[in-house]
Amino acid sequence: MRHMNIEALSSMLSNRTGMQQSMASTVMNIVLNYAIQHFMQKGLLGNILGGAGLGGNAAPASSTSTSTQRPQSSSSSLQSALSQLMTSSANDPDHPLVQEVKDKSGLNDNNQARQYAQQAIGVLQENANKDTEGFGSLISGLMGGGKGGGTGGIGDVVGGLLGK
């Protein structure tokens, strides 16, 4: 099993785009954190983490609606969520992800921020497609469920998001 990490993803982004490594690292961190929030809002985090062999610790607590939902594989859930994120930010310079990339990376140009966000999502899509389990492990680690000793539960996710 390969281990996916932010440094490797940032290097791929830098190599493909010519972006400086420090900028690629900043952009990748912003996009990954935003993606985690996006997955939570879409109720997909449990599917993604479950596909990583990490259990459904972060699955939505609502078990009453499971009869109306068709289960998706973690790979298709992940690809769908990343595609939605790619599409929603593609042509909108005012998209929250684009603005976050612009603000936190020190860019002055909305189009450049949009392009960087798109390129980072593209790297995530490609690597998540190749290694869904590794991507799930990466997300779990970012949420504190890996090295940090947390459980990866929703409390850790919310705490991590609010603490940043």
N, C-alpha and C. Protein backbone atom coordinates (compact mmCIF):
# COMPACT_ATOMS: atom_id res chain seq x y z
N MET A 1 0.84 -1.18 0.00
CA MET A 1 0.00 0.00 0.00
C MET A 1 0.89 1.25 0.00
N ARG A 2 0.61 2.13 -0.90
CA ARG A 2 1.34 3.39 -0.95
C ARG A 2 0.78 4.34 0.10
N HIS A 3 1.62 5.26 0.52
CA HIS A 3 1.16 6.28 1.45
C HIS A 3 1.17 7.63 0.74
N MET A 4 0.01 8.20 0.59
CA MET A 4 -0.12 9.49 -0.07
C MET A 4 0.14 10.58 0.97
N ASN A 5 0.86 11.63 0.59
CA ASN A 5 1.07 12.73 1.52
C ASN A 5 1.04 14.06 0.79
N ILE A 6 0.91 15.11 1.58
CA ILE A 6 0.77 16.45 1.01
C ILE A 6 2.03 16.86 0.26
N GLU A 7 3.19 16.47 0.78
CA GLU A 7 4.45 16.85 0.13
C GLU A 7 4.52 16.28 -1.29
N ALA A 8 4.14 15.01 -1.43
CA ALA A 8 4.17 14.38 -2.75
C ALA A 8 3.17 15.04 -3.69
N LEU A 9 1.96 15.32 -3.20
CA LEU A 9 0.95 15.98 -4.02
C LEU A 9 1.40 17.38 -4.42
N SER A 10 2.01 18.10 -3.47
CA SER A 10 2.51 19.44 -3.76
C SER A 10 3.61 19.40 -4.81
N SER A 11 4.49 18.41 -4.71
CA SER A 11 5.57 18.27 -5.71
C SER A 11 4.99 18.01 -7.09
N MET A 12 3.97 17.14 -7.16
CA MET A 12 3.32 16.87 -8.45
C MET A 12 2.73 18.14 -9.02
N LEU A 13 2.07 18.92 -8.17
CA LEU A 13 1.47 20.17 -8.61
C LEU A 13 2.54 21.13 -9.11
N SER A 14 3.62 21.24 -8.39
CA SER A 14 4.72 22.12 -8.77
C SER A 14 5.35 21.67 -10.10
N ASN A 15 5.59 20.38 -10.23
CA ASN A 15 6.21 19.85 -11.45
C ASN A 15 5.33 20.05 -12.67
N ARG A 16 4.04 19.90 -12.51
CA ARG A 16 3.12 20.02 -13.66
C ARG A 16 2.86 21.44 -14.08
N THR A 17 2.92 22.34 -13.13
CA THR A 17 2.49 23.71 -13.42
C THR A 17 3.63 24.71 -13.48
N GLY A 18 4.78 24.34 -12.95
CA GLY A 18 5.88 25.29 -12.85
C GLY A 18 5.74 26.21 -11.65
N MET A 19 4.73 25.97 -10.83
CA MET A 19 4.50 26.75 -9.63
C MET A 19 5.66 26.49 -8.65
N GLN A 20 6.10 27.51 -7.94
CA GLN A 20 7.13 27.30 -6.93
C GLN A 20 6.64 26.31 -5.89
N GLN A 21 7.55 25.50 -5.35
CA GLN A 21 7.18 24.46 -4.39
C GLN A 21 6.43 25.03 -3.18
N SER A 22 6.88 26.17 -2.67
CA SER A 22 6.21 26.75 -1.50
C SER A 22 4.77 27.17 -1.83
N MET A 23 4.58 27.72 -3.03
CA MET A 23 3.23 28.11 -3.45
C MET A 23 2.38 26.86 -3.66
N ALA A 24 2.94 25.82 -4.29
CA ALA A 24 2.20 24.58 -4.52
C ALA A 24 1.78 23.95 -3.20
N SER A 25 2.65 23.99 -2.21
CA SER A 25 2.33 23.44 -0.89
C SER A 25 1.19 24.22 -0.24
N THR A 26 1.27 25.54 -0.32
CA THR A 26 0.21 26.38 0.24
C THR A 26 -1.12 26.10 -0.44
N VAL A 27 -1.12 26.08 -1.75
CA VAL A 27 -2.35 25.86 -2.52
C VAL A 27 -2.92 24.47 -2.22
N MET A 28 -2.07 23.45 -2.19
CA MET A 28 -2.54 22.09 -1.93
C MET A 28 -3.16 21.98 -0.54
N ASN A 29 -2.55 22.61 0.45
CA ASN A 29 -3.11 22.59 1.81
C ASN A 29 -4.47 23.28 1.85
N ILE A 30 -4.59 24.41 1.19
CA ILE A 30 -5.86 25.14 1.16
C ILE A 30 -6.93 24.29 0.49
N VAL A 31 -6.60 23.71 -0.66
CA VAL A 31 -7.58 22.92 -1.42
C VAL A 31 -7.98 21.67 -0.64
N LEU A 32 -7.03 20.99 -0.02
CA LEU A 32 -7.36 19.80 0.76
C LEU A 32 -8.27 20.13 1.94
N ASN A 33 -7.96 21.19 2.67
CA ASN A 33 -8.81 21.57 3.80
C ASN A 33 -10.20 21.96 3.33
N TYR A 34 -10.27 22.68 2.22
CA TYR A 34 -11.57 23.05 1.67
C TYR A 34 -12.33 21.81 1.22
N ALA A 35 -11.62 20.87 0.59
CA ALA A 35 -12.25 19.64 0.12
C ALA A 35 -12.84 18.85 1.28
N ILE A 36 -12.14 18.79 2.40
CA ILE A 36 -12.65 18.08 3.57
C ILE A 36 -13.96 18.71 4.02
N GLN A 37 -14.01 20.03 4.07
CA GLN A 37 -15.25 20.73 4.43
C GLN A 37 -16.35 20.39 3.43
N HIS A 38 -16.00 20.39 2.14
CA HIS A 38 -16.94 20.09 1.06
C HIS A 38 -17.49 18.67 1.23
N PHE A 39 -16.60 17.71 1.52
CA PHE A 39 -17.02 16.31 1.73
C PHE A 39 -17.96 16.21 2.92
N MET A 40 -17.65 16.95 3.98
CA MET A 40 -18.52 16.93 5.17
C MET A 40 -19.91 17.46 4.82
N GLN A 41 -19.95 18.58 4.11
CA GLN A 41 -21.23 19.20 3.76
C GLN A 41 -22.07 18.29 2.87
N LYS A 42 -21.42 17.51 2.02
CA LYS A 42 -22.12 16.60 1.12
C LYS A 42 -22.42 15.27 1.78
N GLY A 43 -21.97 15.08 3.02
CA GLY A 43 -22.21 13.83 3.73
C GLY A 43 -21.41 12.66 3.17
N LEU A 44 -20.27 12.94 2.55
CA LEU A 44 -19.50 11.89 1.89
C LEU A 44 -18.27 11.45 2.68
N LEU A 45 -17.98 12.13 3.76
CA LEU A 45 -16.74 11.83 4.47
C LEU A 45 -16.71 10.39 4.98
N GLY A 46 -17.82 9.90 5.48
CA GLY A 46 -17.88 8.51 5.97
C GLY A 46 -17.59 7.51 4.87
N ASN A 47 -18.15 7.73 3.67
CA ASN A 47 -17.88 6.83 2.54
C ASN A 47 -16.41 6.83 2.17
N ILE A 48 -15.83 8.01 2.14
CA ILE A 48 -14.43 8.13 1.73
C ILE A 48 -13.52 7.48 2.76
N LEU A 49 -13.77 7.77 4.03
CA LEU A 49 -12.94 7.17 5.06
C LEU A 49 -13.20 5.68 5.21
N GLY A 50 -14.43 5.27 4.99
CA GLY A 50 -14.75 3.85 5.05
C GLY A 50 -14.03 3.07 3.97
N GLY A 51 -13.86 3.69 2.81
CA GLY A 51 -13.14 3.05 1.71
C GLY A 51 -11.66 2.93 1.98
N ALA A 52 -11.18 3.71 2.95
CA ALA A 52 -9.77 3.66 3.29
C ALA A 52 -9.52 2.61 4.37
N GLY A 53 -10.56 1.84 4.71
CA GLY A 53 -10.40 0.83 5.73
C GLY A 53 -10.34 1.45 7.11
N LEU A 54 -10.88 2.66 7.25
CA LEU A 54 -10.81 3.37 8.51
C LEU A 54 -12.15 3.37 9.23
N GLY A 55 -13.08 2.62 8.72
CA GLY A 55 -14.40 2.56 9.35
C GLY A 55 -15.21 3.77 9.00
N GLY A 56 -16.40 3.83 9.51
CA GLY A 56 -17.30 4.94 9.22
C GLY A 56 -17.34 5.94 10.33
N ASN A 57 -16.25 6.13 11.05
CA ASN A 57 -16.24 7.02 12.20
C ASN A 57 -16.78 8.40 11.90
N ALA A 58 -16.54 8.90 10.72
CA ALA A 58 -16.95 10.26 10.40
C ALA A 58 -18.23 10.29 9.58
N ALA A 59 -18.93 9.18 9.52
CA ALA A 59 -20.18 9.14 8.76
C ALA A 59 -21.22 10.00 9.44
N PRO A 60 -22.13 10.57 8.68
CA PRO A 60 -23.19 11.36 9.27
C PRO A 60 -23.98 10.52 10.27
N ALA A 61 -24.42 11.16 11.36
CA ALA A 61 -25.10 10.45 12.44
C ALA A 61 -26.50 10.00 12.04
N SER A 62 -27.06 10.56 11.00
CA SER A 62 -28.42 10.24 10.60
C SER A 62 -28.50 8.87 9.96
N SER A 63 -28.97 7.90 10.73
CA SER A 63 -29.08 6.55 10.19
C SER A 63 -30.48 6.28 9.67
N THR A 64 -31.41 7.20 9.92
CA THR A 64 -32.78 6.99 9.48
C THR A 64 -32.94 7.21 7.98
N SER A 65 -32.05 7.94 7.37
CA SER A 65 -32.20 8.24 5.95
C SER A 65 -31.46 7.23 5.06
N THR A 66 -30.86 6.21 5.65
CA THR A 66 -30.08 5.29 4.84
C THR A 66 -30.94 4.50 3.87
N SER A 67 -32.21 4.32 4.17
CA SER A 67 -33.05 3.54 3.26
C SER A 67 -33.32 4.28 1.96
N THR A 68 -33.21 5.60 1.97
CA THR A 68 -33.47 6.37 0.75
C THR A 68 -32.18 6.66 -0.01
N GLN A 69 -31.04 6.39 0.60
CA GLN A 69 -29.78 6.66 -0.08
C GLN A 69 -29.20 5.38 -0.63
N ARG A 70 -28.75 5.46 -1.88
CA ARG A 70 -28.05 4.31 -2.45
C ARG A 70 -26.59 4.41 -2.09
N PRO A 71 -26.02 3.37 -1.53
CA PRO A 71 -24.61 3.46 -1.17
C PRO A 71 -23.74 3.56 -2.42
N GLN A 72 -22.74 4.41 -2.34
CA GLN A 72 -21.77 4.55 -3.42
C GLN A 72 -20.45 4.00 -2.93
N SER A 73 -19.67 3.50 -3.84
CA SER A 73 -18.34 3.08 -3.45
C SER A 73 -17.56 4.32 -3.05
N SER A 74 -16.54 4.13 -2.22
CA SER A 74 -15.75 5.28 -1.80
C SER A 74 -15.08 5.95 -2.99
N SER A 75 -14.67 5.16 -3.98
CA SER A 75 -14.02 5.72 -5.16
C SER A 75 -14.98 6.60 -5.96
N SER A 76 -16.20 6.11 -6.19
CA SER A 76 -17.13 6.92 -6.98
C SER A 76 -17.62 8.13 -6.18
N SER A 77 -17.79 7.99 -4.86
CA SER A 77 -18.16 9.13 -4.02
C SER A 77 -17.09 10.20 -4.07
N LEU A 78 -15.86 9.76 -3.95
CA LEU A 78 -14.73 10.67 -3.95
C LEU A 78 -14.61 11.39 -5.29
N GLN A 79 -14.67 10.63 -6.39
CA GLN A 79 -14.57 11.24 -7.72
C GLN A 79 -15.71 12.20 -7.97
N SER A 80 -16.91 11.84 -7.53
CA SER A 80 -18.07 12.70 -7.70
C SER A 80 -17.89 14.01 -6.92
N ALA A 81 -17.44 13.91 -5.68
CA ALA A 81 -17.26 15.10 -4.86
C ALA A 81 -16.18 16.01 -5.43
N LEU A 82 -15.08 15.42 -5.88
CA LEU A 82 -14.01 16.23 -6.47
C LEU A 82 -14.46 16.86 -7.79
N SER A 83 -15.24 16.12 -8.57
CA SER A 83 -15.75 16.67 -9.84
C SER A 83 -16.69 17.85 -9.57
N GLN A 84 -17.54 17.70 -8.55
CA GLN A 84 -18.44 18.80 -8.19
C GLN A 84 -17.66 20.03 -7.77
N LEU A 85 -16.61 19.80 -6.98
CA LEU A 85 -15.77 20.92 -6.53
C LEU A 85 -15.07 21.57 -7.73
N MET A 86 -14.58 20.75 -8.64
CA MET A 86 -13.91 21.26 -9.84
C MET A 86 -14.89 22.10 -10.66
N THR A 87 -16.07 21.58 -10.89
CA THR A 87 -17.07 22.26 -11.71
C THR A 87 -17.54 23.56 -11.06
N SER A 88 -17.81 23.51 -9.75
CA SER A 88 -18.35 24.69 -9.09
C SER A 88 -17.36 25.83 -9.02
N SER A 89 -16.07 25.51 -9.00
CA SER A 89 -15.07 26.58 -8.91
C SER A 89 -14.47 26.95 -10.26
N ALA A 90 -14.83 26.21 -11.31
CA ALA A 90 -14.19 26.37 -12.62
C ALA A 90 -14.37 27.75 -13.24
N ASN A 91 -15.57 28.27 -13.22
CA ASN A 91 -15.83 29.52 -13.92
C ASN A 91 -16.28 30.64 -13.00
N ASP A 92 -16.03 30.47 -11.71
CA ASP A 92 -16.51 31.46 -10.75
C ASP A 92 -15.34 32.04 -9.96
N PRO A 93 -14.85 33.21 -10.37
CA PRO A 93 -13.74 33.81 -9.64
C PRO A 93 -14.11 34.22 -8.21
N ASP A 94 -15.41 34.25 -7.90
CA ASP A 94 -15.86 34.60 -6.56
C ASP A 94 -16.17 33.36 -5.72
N HIS A 95 -15.91 32.17 -6.26
CA HIS A 95 -16.14 30.93 -5.51
C HIS A 95 -15.31 30.99 -4.22
N PRO A 96 -15.87 30.51 -3.10
CA PRO A 96 -15.13 30.57 -1.83
C PRO A 96 -13.75 29.92 -1.86
N LEU A 97 -13.60 28.82 -2.58
CA LEU A 97 -12.29 28.17 -2.67
C LEU A 97 -11.30 29.07 -3.40
N VAL A 98 -11.74 29.66 -4.49
CA VAL A 98 -10.88 30.55 -5.28
C VAL A 98 -10.45 31.74 -4.41
N GLN A 99 -11.40 32.31 -3.68
CA GLN A 99 -11.08 33.46 -2.83
C GLN A 99 -10.13 33.07 -1.70
N GLU A 100 -10.31 31.87 -1.15
CA GLU A 100 -9.42 31.40 -0.09
C GLU A 100 -8.00 31.19 -0.63
N VAL A 101 -7.89 30.60 -1.82
CA VAL A 101 -6.57 30.44 -2.44
C VAL A 101 -5.94 31.81 -2.67
N LYS A 102 -6.72 32.74 -3.18
CA LYS A 102 -6.20 34.08 -3.46
C LYS A 102 -5.73 34.76 -2.17
N ASP A 103 -6.57 34.72 -1.16
CA ASP A 103 -6.26 35.43 0.09
C ASP A 103 -5.09 34.81 0.85
N LYS A 104 -5.09 33.50 0.97
CA LYS A 104 -4.08 32.83 1.81
C LYS A 104 -2.75 32.61 1.11
N SER A 105 -2.74 32.72 -0.20
CA SER A 105 -1.48 32.52 -0.92
C SER A 105 -0.85 33.84 -1.37
N GLY A 106 -1.55 34.93 -1.13
CA GLY A 106 -1.00 36.24 -1.47
C GLY A 106 -1.12 36.61 -2.93
N LEU A 107 -1.98 35.92 -3.66
CA LEU A 107 -2.18 36.25 -5.07
C LEU A 107 -3.07 37.49 -5.20
N ASN A 108 -2.87 38.22 -6.27
CA ASN A 108 -3.69 39.41 -6.53
C ASN A 108 -4.70 39.19 -7.63
N ASP A 109 -4.61 38.08 -8.33
CA ASP A 109 -5.40 37.84 -9.52
C ASP A 109 -6.39 36.69 -9.29
N ASN A 110 -7.68 36.99 -9.42
CA ASN A 110 -8.71 35.95 -9.25
C ASN A 110 -8.53 34.81 -10.24
N ASN A 111 -8.19 35.14 -11.48
CA ASN A 111 -8.05 34.09 -12.50
C ASN A 111 -6.87 33.17 -12.19
N GLN A 112 -5.79 33.74 -11.69
CA GLN A 112 -4.65 32.91 -11.33
C GLN A 112 -5.01 32.02 -10.13
N ALA A 113 -5.72 32.57 -9.16
CA ALA A 113 -6.15 31.78 -8.00
C ALA A 113 -7.09 30.66 -8.45
N ARG A 114 -7.99 30.96 -9.38
CA ARG A 114 -8.91 29.95 -9.91
C ARG A 114 -8.13 28.85 -10.62
N GLN A 115 -7.15 29.26 -11.42
CA GLN A 115 -6.33 28.29 -12.15
C GLN A 115 -5.55 27.40 -11.19
N TYR A 116 -4.95 27.99 -10.16
CA TYR A 116 -4.20 27.20 -9.18
C TYR A 116 -5.11 26.21 -8.46
N ALA A 117 -6.30 26.67 -8.07
CA ALA A 117 -7.25 25.78 -7.40
C ALA A 117 -7.63 24.62 -8.31
N GLN A 118 -7.90 24.93 -9.57
CA GLN A 118 -8.28 23.90 -10.54
C GLN A 118 -7.15 22.88 -10.73
N GLN A 119 -5.94 23.38 -10.83
CA GLN A 119 -4.79 22.49 -11.03
C GLN A 119 -4.59 21.58 -9.82
N ALA A 120 -4.77 22.13 -8.63
CA ALA A 120 -4.63 21.32 -7.41
C ALA A 120 -5.73 20.26 -7.33
N ILE A 121 -6.95 20.63 -7.67
CA ILE A 121 -8.05 19.66 -7.67
C ILE A 121 -7.77 18.57 -8.69
N GLY A 122 -7.22 18.96 -9.84
CA GLY A 122 -6.87 17.97 -10.86
C GLY A 122 -5.86 16.95 -10.36
N VAL A 123 -4.84 17.41 -9.64
CA VAL A 123 -3.85 16.50 -9.05
C VAL A 123 -4.53 15.59 -8.03
N LEU A 124 -5.43 16.15 -7.22
CA LEU A 124 -6.15 15.34 -6.24
C LEU A 124 -7.01 14.28 -6.93
N GLN A 125 -7.72 14.69 -7.98
CA GLN A 125 -8.57 13.74 -8.71
C GLN A 125 -7.75 12.58 -9.27
N GLU A 126 -6.66 12.91 -9.90
CA GLU A 126 -5.83 11.88 -10.52
C GLU A 126 -5.31 10.90 -9.48
N ASN A 127 -4.81 11.42 -8.37
CA ASN A 127 -4.23 10.56 -7.35
C ASN A 127 -5.28 9.82 -6.54
N ALA A 128 -6.42 10.45 -6.31
CA ALA A 128 -7.50 9.77 -5.60
C ALA A 128 -8.04 8.61 -6.44
N ASN A 129 -8.06 8.79 -7.76
CA ASN A 129 -8.52 7.73 -8.65
C ASN A 129 -7.55 6.55 -8.63
N LYS A 130 -6.26 6.85 -8.55
CA LYS A 130 -5.25 5.80 -8.53
C LYS A 130 -5.19 5.09 -7.18
N ASP A 131 -5.44 5.82 -6.10
CA ASP A 131 -5.24 5.28 -4.75
C ASP A 131 -6.29 5.85 -3.79
N THR A 132 -7.51 5.34 -3.89
CA THR A 132 -8.60 5.81 -3.04
C THR A 132 -8.28 5.59 -1.57
N GLU A 133 -7.70 4.44 -1.28
CA GLU A 133 -7.38 4.13 0.12
C GLU A 133 -6.33 5.09 0.66
N GLY A 134 -5.32 5.38 -0.13
CA GLY A 134 -4.28 6.32 0.29
C GLY A 134 -4.84 7.72 0.49
N PHE A 135 -5.78 8.11 -0.37
CA PHE A 135 -6.40 9.43 -0.25
C PHE A 135 -7.22 9.50 1.03
N GLY A 136 -7.97 8.44 1.33
CA GLY A 136 -8.74 8.39 2.57
C GLY A 136 -7.85 8.46 3.79
N SER A 137 -6.71 7.78 3.73
CA SER A 137 -5.75 7.81 4.83
C SER A 137 -5.17 9.22 5.00
N LEU A 138 -4.89 9.88 3.89
CA LEU A 138 -4.39 11.25 3.95
C LEU A 138 -5.40 12.16 4.64
N ILE A 139 -6.66 12.06 4.25
CA ILE A 139 -7.70 12.89 4.85
C ILE A 139 -7.83 12.58 6.33
N SER A 140 -7.82 11.31 6.68
CA SER A 140 -7.92 10.94 8.08
C SER A 140 -6.76 11.53 8.88
N GLY A 141 -5.57 11.47 8.32
CA GLY A 141 -4.41 12.05 8.99
C GLY A 141 -4.53 13.55 9.18
N LEU A 142 -5.07 14.23 8.17
CA LEU A 142 -5.25 15.68 8.27
C LEU A 142 -6.28 16.04 9.34
N MET A 143 -7.22 15.13 9.56
CA MET A 143 -8.26 15.39 10.55
C MET A 143 -7.84 14.99 11.95
N GLY A 144 -6.66 14.41 12.09
CA GLY A 144 -6.21 14.02 13.41
C GLY A 144 -6.46 12.56 13.72
N GLY A 145 -6.98 11.81 12.76
CA GLY A 145 -7.27 10.41 12.99
C GLY A 145 -6.07 9.52 12.75
N GLY A 146 -5.00 10.10 12.27
CA GLY A 146 -3.81 9.29 12.01
C GLY A 146 -2.79 9.48 13.11
N LYS A 147 -1.76 10.25 12.83
CA LYS A 147 -0.66 10.43 13.75
C LYS A 147 -1.05 11.16 15.02
N GLY A 148 -2.08 11.98 14.94
CA GLY A 148 -2.44 12.80 16.08
C GLY A 148 -3.10 12.04 17.20
N GLY A 149 -3.46 10.78 16.99
CA GLY A 149 -4.05 9.98 18.04
C GLY A 149 -5.55 10.17 18.19
N GLY A 150 -6.15 11.02 17.39
CA GLY A 150 -7.60 11.20 17.47
C GLY A 150 -8.30 10.03 16.82
N THR A 151 -9.61 10.04 16.89
CA THR A 151 -10.36 8.93 16.33
C THR A 151 -10.78 9.18 14.90
N GLY A 152 -10.67 10.41 14.44
CA GLY A 152 -11.11 10.73 13.10
C GLY A 152 -12.61 10.96 13.05
N GLY A 153 -13.24 11.03 14.23
CA GLY A 153 -14.67 11.25 14.31
C GLY A 153 -15.03 12.68 13.97
N ILE A 154 -16.31 12.94 13.92
CA ILE A 154 -16.79 14.25 13.52
C ILE A 154 -16.33 15.33 14.49
N GLY A 155 -16.17 14.99 15.76
CA GLY A 155 -15.66 15.96 16.73
C GLY A 155 -14.26 16.41 16.38
N ASP A 156 -13.42 15.46 15.97
CA ASP A 156 -12.06 15.81 15.55
C ASP A 156 -12.08 16.67 14.31
N VAL A 157 -12.98 16.36 13.38
CA VAL A 157 -13.08 17.13 12.14
C VAL A 157 -13.48 18.56 12.45
N VAL A 158 -14.57 18.71 13.19
CA VAL A 158 -15.05 20.05 13.50
C VAL A 158 -14.02 20.81 14.33
N GLY A 159 -13.43 20.15 15.31
CA GLY A 159 -12.41 20.79 16.14
C GLY A 159 -11.23 21.24 15.31
N GLY A 160 -10.81 20.40 14.37
CA GLY A 160 -9.69 20.76 13.51
C GLY A 160 -10.01 21.94 12.61
N LEU A 161 -11.23 21.96 12.10
CA LEU A 161 -11.62 23.05 11.20
C LEU A 161 -11.76 24.36 11.97
N LEU A 162 -12.32 24.28 13.17
CA LEU A 162 -12.50 25.50 13.95
C LEU A 162 -11.19 26.01 14.52
N GLY A 163 -10.25 25.10 14.73
CA GLY A 163 -8.97 25.48 15.31
C GLY A 163 -8.02 26.13 14.34
N LYS A 164 -8.35 26.13 13.04
CA LYS A 164 -7.42 26.66 12.04
C LYS A 164 -7.81 28.04 11.61
